[in-house]
Amino acid sequence: MQAFFHRLRPPLQRAACFAGAFVASATVLLAVAAAFDSTSSAPVLRDTPAARLAVARCDALADRAQRHVCVRRLVAEAVARDRGEARLAALVAPAASTRR
């Protein structure tokens, strides 16, 4: 064991080992963060009675592929509606502040 530590005594070797360990750890950390980021950006329906009713209608379909397409369409419509509401709010907010 002492022979191993004796080889690491030169500062350049210690720095190289430290840099290698840092790069490996940073790579693993970035890979995990990227995996969470890609998963968290998936759109999700809000839990409302209307959404539950719409999903129940999709679940009533016989074919699994049809159910999947139906739910994807519901999510796409909700995302488009939310974007429209956000744009409208952005347009209304400056107009409301100029009236004061």
N, C-alpha and C. Protein backbone atom coordinates (compact mmCIF):
# COMPACT_ATOMS: atom_id res chain seq x y z
N MET A 1 0.82 -1.19 0.00
CA MET A 1 0.00 0.00 0.00
C MET A 1 0.87 1.26 0.00
N GLN A 2 1.98 1.18 0.69
CA GLN A 2 2.86 2.34 0.75
C GLN A 2 3.48 2.62 -0.61
N ALA A 3 3.67 1.57 -1.41
CA ALA A 3 4.21 1.77 -2.75
C ALA A 3 3.24 2.57 -3.62
N PHE A 4 1.95 2.33 -3.43
CA PHE A 4 0.95 3.08 -4.19
C PHE A 4 0.99 4.56 -3.83
N PHE A 5 1.01 4.87 -2.54
CA PHE A 5 1.06 6.26 -2.11
C PHE A 5 2.37 6.93 -2.50
N HIS A 6 3.44 6.14 -2.56
CA HIS A 6 4.73 6.70 -2.94
C HIS A 6 4.68 7.20 -4.39
N ARG A 7 3.93 6.49 -5.24
CA ARG A 7 3.82 6.91 -6.64
C ARG A 7 3.00 8.19 -6.78
N LEU A 8 2.12 8.47 -5.87
CA LEU A 8 1.27 9.65 -5.97
C LEU A 8 1.88 10.89 -5.30
N ARG A 9 3.07 10.76 -4.84
CA ARG A 9 3.67 11.89 -4.16
C ARG A 9 3.98 13.08 -5.06
N PRO A 10 4.41 12.88 -6.28
CA PRO A 10 4.68 14.07 -7.10
C PRO A 10 3.38 14.88 -7.30
N PRO A 11 3.47 16.19 -7.17
CA PRO A 11 2.26 17.03 -7.26
C PRO A 11 1.55 16.91 -8.60
N LEU A 12 2.27 16.71 -9.67
CA LEU A 12 1.65 16.61 -10.98
C LEU A 12 0.76 15.38 -11.06
N GLN A 13 1.20 14.28 -10.50
CA GLN A 13 0.36 13.07 -10.51
C GLN A 13 -0.86 13.25 -9.63
N ARG A 14 -0.70 13.86 -8.49
CA ARG A 14 -1.85 14.12 -7.63
C ARG A 14 -2.86 15.02 -8.32
N ALA A 15 -2.38 16.04 -9.00
CA ALA A 15 -3.27 16.95 -9.72
C ALA A 15 -4.00 16.22 -10.85
N ALA A 16 -3.28 15.34 -11.54
CA ALA A 16 -3.89 14.59 -12.64
C ALA A 16 -4.99 13.66 -12.11
N CYS A 17 -4.74 13.00 -10.99
CA CYS A 17 -5.76 12.13 -10.40
C CYS A 17 -6.97 12.93 -9.93
N PHE A 18 -6.71 14.05 -9.31
CA PHE A 18 -7.81 14.91 -8.87
C PHE A 18 -8.63 15.40 -10.06
N ALA A 19 -7.98 15.82 -11.13
CA ALA A 19 -8.70 16.30 -12.31
C ALA A 19 -9.51 15.17 -12.94
N GLY A 20 -8.94 13.97 -13.01
CA GLY A 20 -9.68 12.84 -13.57
C GLY A 20 -10.92 12.50 -12.75
N ALA A 21 -10.77 12.50 -11.44
CA ALA A 21 -11.91 12.21 -10.57
C ALA A 21 -12.97 13.31 -10.69
N PHE A 22 -12.53 14.56 -10.79
CA PHE A 22 -13.47 15.67 -10.93
C PHE A 22 -14.24 15.57 -12.24
N VAL A 23 -13.55 15.27 -13.33
CA VAL A 23 -14.21 15.17 -14.63
C VAL A 23 -15.21 14.01 -14.63
N ALA A 24 -14.83 12.88 -14.06
CA ALA A 24 -15.74 11.73 -14.02
C ALA A 24 -16.98 12.05 -13.18
N SER A 25 -16.79 12.67 -12.03
CA SER A 25 -17.92 13.01 -11.17
C SER A 25 -18.83 14.04 -11.83
N ALA A 26 -18.23 15.04 -12.46
CA ALA A 26 -19.03 16.07 -13.13
C ALA A 26 -19.82 15.48 -14.29
N THR A 27 -19.24 14.54 -15.01
CA THR A 27 -19.93 13.91 -16.13
C THR A 27 -21.15 13.13 -15.65
N VAL A 28 -20.99 12.38 -14.57
CA VAL A 28 -22.12 11.62 -14.03
C VAL A 28 -23.19 12.57 -13.52
N LEU A 29 -22.80 13.63 -12.83
CA LEU A 29 -23.76 14.60 -12.32
C LEU A 29 -24.53 15.28 -13.45
N LEU A 30 -23.85 15.66 -14.50
CA LEU A 30 -24.52 16.29 -15.64
C LEU A 30 -25.46 15.32 -16.36
N ALA A 31 -25.08 14.06 -16.45
CA ALA A 31 -25.95 13.07 -17.09
C ALA A 31 -27.23 12.88 -16.30
N VAL A 32 -27.13 12.81 -14.99
CA VAL A 32 -28.32 12.66 -14.14
C VAL A 32 -29.19 13.91 -14.22
N ALA A 33 -28.57 15.08 -14.18
CA ALA A 33 -29.34 16.33 -14.28
C ALA A 33 -30.05 16.43 -15.63
N ALA A 34 -29.39 16.03 -16.69
CA ALA A 34 -30.01 16.07 -18.02
C ALA A 34 -31.19 15.11 -18.11
N ALA A 35 -31.06 13.95 -17.48
CA ALA A 35 -32.17 13.00 -17.49
C ALA A 35 -33.38 13.57 -16.75
N PHE A 36 -33.16 14.18 -15.60
CA PHE A 36 -34.27 14.78 -14.87
C PHE A 36 -34.86 15.97 -15.63
N ASP A 37 -34.03 16.75 -16.29
CA ASP A 37 -34.52 17.91 -17.02
C ASP A 37 -35.40 17.49 -18.18
N SER A 38 -34.99 16.46 -18.92
CA SER A 38 -35.79 16.03 -20.06
C SER A 38 -37.11 15.43 -19.62
N THR A 39 -37.14 14.79 -18.46
CA THR A 39 -38.37 14.21 -17.95
C THR A 39 -39.30 15.28 -17.39
N SER A 40 -38.74 16.26 -16.72
CA SER A 40 -39.58 17.25 -16.06
C SER A 40 -40.24 18.22 -17.03
N SER A 41 -39.74 18.29 -18.26
CA SER A 41 -40.32 19.23 -19.21
C SER A 41 -41.52 18.64 -19.96
N ALA A 42 -41.91 17.42 -19.65
CA ALA A 42 -43.06 16.82 -20.31
C ALA A 42 -44.34 17.51 -19.84
N PRO A 43 -45.24 17.85 -20.77
CA PRO A 43 -46.49 18.52 -20.36
C PRO A 43 -47.41 17.58 -19.60
N VAL A 44 -48.14 18.13 -18.66
CA VAL A 44 -49.04 17.36 -17.82
C VAL A 44 -50.38 18.09 -17.74
N LEU A 45 -51.47 17.33 -17.71
CA LEU A 45 -52.79 17.94 -17.54
C LEU A 45 -53.00 18.36 -16.09
N ARG A 46 -53.63 19.49 -15.90
CA ARG A 46 -54.02 19.91 -14.54
C ARG A 46 -55.15 19.02 -14.06
N ASP A 47 -55.18 18.78 -12.77
CA ASP A 47 -56.22 17.92 -12.20
C ASP A 47 -57.48 18.75 -11.95
N THR A 48 -58.33 18.79 -12.97
CA THR A 48 -59.60 19.50 -12.88
C THR A 48 -60.72 18.52 -13.21
N PRO A 49 -61.95 18.82 -12.81
CA PRO A 49 -63.06 17.92 -13.16
C PRO A 49 -63.23 17.76 -14.67
N ALA A 50 -63.02 18.84 -15.42
CA ALA A 50 -63.15 18.74 -16.88
C ALA A 50 -62.07 17.83 -17.45
N ALA A 51 -60.86 17.93 -16.93
CA ALA A 51 -59.77 17.07 -17.42
C ALA A 51 -60.05 15.61 -17.06
N ARG A 52 -60.55 15.37 -15.85
CA ARG A 52 -60.88 14.00 -15.46
C ARG A 52 -61.96 13.40 -16.35
N LEU A 53 -62.96 14.21 -16.68
CA LEU A 53 -64.03 13.74 -17.56
C LEU A 53 -63.49 13.42 -18.95
N ALA A 54 -62.63 14.29 -19.47
CA ALA A 54 -62.06 14.06 -20.80
C ALA A 54 -61.18 12.82 -20.81
N VAL A 55 -60.39 12.61 -19.77
CA VAL A 55 -59.55 11.42 -19.70
C VAL A 55 -60.40 10.17 -19.54
N ALA A 56 -61.50 10.28 -18.81
CA ALA A 56 -62.41 9.13 -18.67
C ALA A 56 -63.01 8.76 -20.02
N ARG A 57 -63.33 9.75 -20.83
CA ARG A 57 -63.84 9.46 -22.19
C ARG A 57 -62.77 8.75 -23.01
N CYS A 58 -61.52 9.19 -22.86
CA CYS A 58 -60.44 8.52 -23.59
C CYS A 58 -60.25 7.09 -23.09
N ASP A 59 -60.36 6.88 -21.78
CA ASP A 59 -60.20 5.54 -21.22
C ASP A 59 -61.31 4.60 -21.66
N ALA A 60 -62.44 5.15 -22.05
CA ALA A 60 -63.56 4.32 -22.48
C ALA A 60 -63.35 3.74 -23.88
N LEU A 61 -62.38 4.25 -24.61
CA LEU A 61 -62.12 3.72 -25.94
C LEU A 61 -61.57 2.31 -25.85
N ALA A 62 -61.89 1.48 -26.86
CA ALA A 62 -61.53 0.07 -26.80
C ALA A 62 -60.05 -0.18 -27.10
N ASP A 63 -59.49 0.51 -28.08
CA ASP A 63 -58.13 0.24 -28.52
C ASP A 63 -57.12 1.07 -27.71
N ARG A 64 -56.04 0.42 -27.34
CA ARG A 64 -55.01 1.11 -26.54
C ARG A 64 -54.37 2.25 -27.33
N ALA A 65 -54.14 2.05 -28.61
CA ALA A 65 -53.54 3.10 -29.44
C ALA A 65 -54.46 4.31 -29.54
N GLN A 66 -55.77 4.05 -29.67
CA GLN A 66 -56.73 5.14 -29.72
C GLN A 66 -56.75 5.92 -28.41
N ARG A 67 -56.68 5.19 -27.27
CA ARG A 67 -56.63 5.88 -25.97
C ARG A 67 -55.40 6.76 -25.88
N HIS A 68 -54.27 6.25 -26.34
CA HIS A 68 -53.02 7.02 -26.28
C HIS A 68 -53.11 8.28 -27.14
N VAL A 69 -53.64 8.15 -28.33
CA VAL A 69 -53.80 9.30 -29.22
C VAL A 69 -54.77 10.31 -28.62
N CYS A 70 -55.83 9.82 -28.01
CA CYS A 70 -56.83 10.71 -27.40
C CYS A 70 -56.21 11.52 -26.26
N VAL A 71 -55.45 10.87 -25.40
CA VAL A 71 -54.83 11.57 -24.27
C VAL A 71 -53.79 12.56 -24.77
N ARG A 72 -53.01 12.17 -25.77
CA ARG A 72 -52.01 13.10 -26.33
C ARG A 72 -52.68 14.33 -26.93
N ARG A 73 -53.83 14.12 -27.57
CA ARG A 73 -54.58 15.25 -28.14
C ARG A 73 -55.08 16.17 -27.02
N LEU A 74 -55.57 15.58 -25.93
CA LEU A 74 -56.02 16.39 -24.79
C LEU A 74 -54.89 17.23 -24.21
N VAL A 75 -53.72 16.63 -24.06
CA VAL A 75 -52.58 17.36 -23.51
C VAL A 75 -52.15 18.46 -24.47
N ALA A 76 -52.14 18.17 -25.76
CA ALA A 76 -51.75 19.18 -26.75
C ALA A 76 -52.72 20.36 -26.74
N GLU A 77 -54.01 20.07 -26.62
CA GLU A 77 -54.99 21.15 -26.56
C GLU A 77 -54.81 21.98 -25.28
N ALA A 78 -54.53 21.32 -24.17
CA ALA A 78 -54.34 22.04 -22.91
C ALA A 78 -53.09 22.92 -22.97
N VAL A 79 -52.02 22.40 -23.57
CA VAL A 79 -50.80 23.20 -23.69
C VAL A 79 -51.04 24.41 -24.58
N ALA A 80 -51.75 24.21 -25.70
CA ALA A 80 -52.05 25.33 -26.59
C ALA A 80 -52.93 26.36 -25.89
N ARG A 81 -53.90 25.90 -25.11
CA ARG A 81 -54.78 26.81 -24.38
C ARG A 81 -53.99 27.59 -23.33
N ASP A 82 -53.09 26.90 -22.61
CA ASP A 82 -52.27 27.58 -21.60
C ASP A 82 -51.34 28.61 -22.23
N ARG A 83 -50.79 28.29 -23.39
CA ARG A 83 -49.92 29.26 -24.08
C ARG A 83 -50.72 30.48 -24.51
N GLY A 84 -51.94 30.25 -24.99
CA GLY A 84 -52.79 31.37 -25.39
C GLY A 84 -53.14 32.25 -24.21
N GLU A 85 -53.44 31.62 -23.06
CA GLU A 85 -53.75 32.39 -21.86
C GLU A 85 -52.54 33.18 -21.39
N ALA A 86 -51.35 32.59 -21.51
CA ALA A 86 -50.13 33.29 -21.10
C ALA A 86 -49.87 34.49 -22.01
N ARG A 87 -50.09 34.31 -23.31
CA ARG A 87 -49.90 35.44 -24.23
C ARG A 87 -50.90 36.55 -23.94
N LEU A 88 -52.14 36.16 -23.68
CA LEU A 88 -53.17 37.16 -23.37
C LEU A 88 -52.82 37.90 -22.09
N ALA A 89 -52.36 37.19 -21.08
CA ALA A 89 -51.98 37.83 -19.82
C ALA A 89 -50.80 38.78 -20.03
N ALA A 90 -49.88 38.41 -20.91
CA ALA A 90 -48.74 39.28 -21.18
C ALA A 90 -49.18 40.54 -21.92
N LEU A 91 -50.19 40.42 -22.75
CA LEU A 91 -50.69 41.60 -23.47
C LEU A 91 -51.52 42.50 -22.56
N VAL A 92 -52.29 41.90 -21.66
CA VAL A 92 -53.18 42.67 -20.79
C VAL A 92 -52.40 43.36 -19.69
N ALA A 93 -51.35 42.73 -19.17
CA ALA A 93 -50.59 43.31 -18.05
C ALA A 93 -50.00 44.68 -18.38
N PRO A 94 -49.33 44.88 -19.51
CA PRO A 94 -48.82 46.23 -19.80
C PRO A 94 -49.94 47.25 -20.00
N ALA A 95 -51.03 46.83 -20.61
CA ALA A 95 -52.13 47.76 -20.83
C ALA A 95 -52.76 48.16 -19.51
N ALA A 96 -52.86 47.26 -18.56
CA ALA A 96 -53.44 47.58 -17.25
C ALA A 96 -52.53 48.51 -16.47
N SER A 97 -51.22 48.37 -16.61
CA SER A 97 -50.30 49.21 -15.85
C SER A 97 -50.25 50.63 -16.43
N THR A 98 -50.56 50.84 -17.70
CA THR A 98 -50.54 52.18 -18.28
C THR A 98 -51.79 52.98 -17.92
N ARG A 99 -52.86 52.30 -17.49
CA ARG A 99 -54.11 52.99 -17.14
C ARG A 99 -54.01 53.70 -15.80
N ARG A 100 -53.12 53.30 -14.95
CA ARG A 100 -53.04 53.86 -13.59
C ARG A 100 -52.52 55.24 -13.57
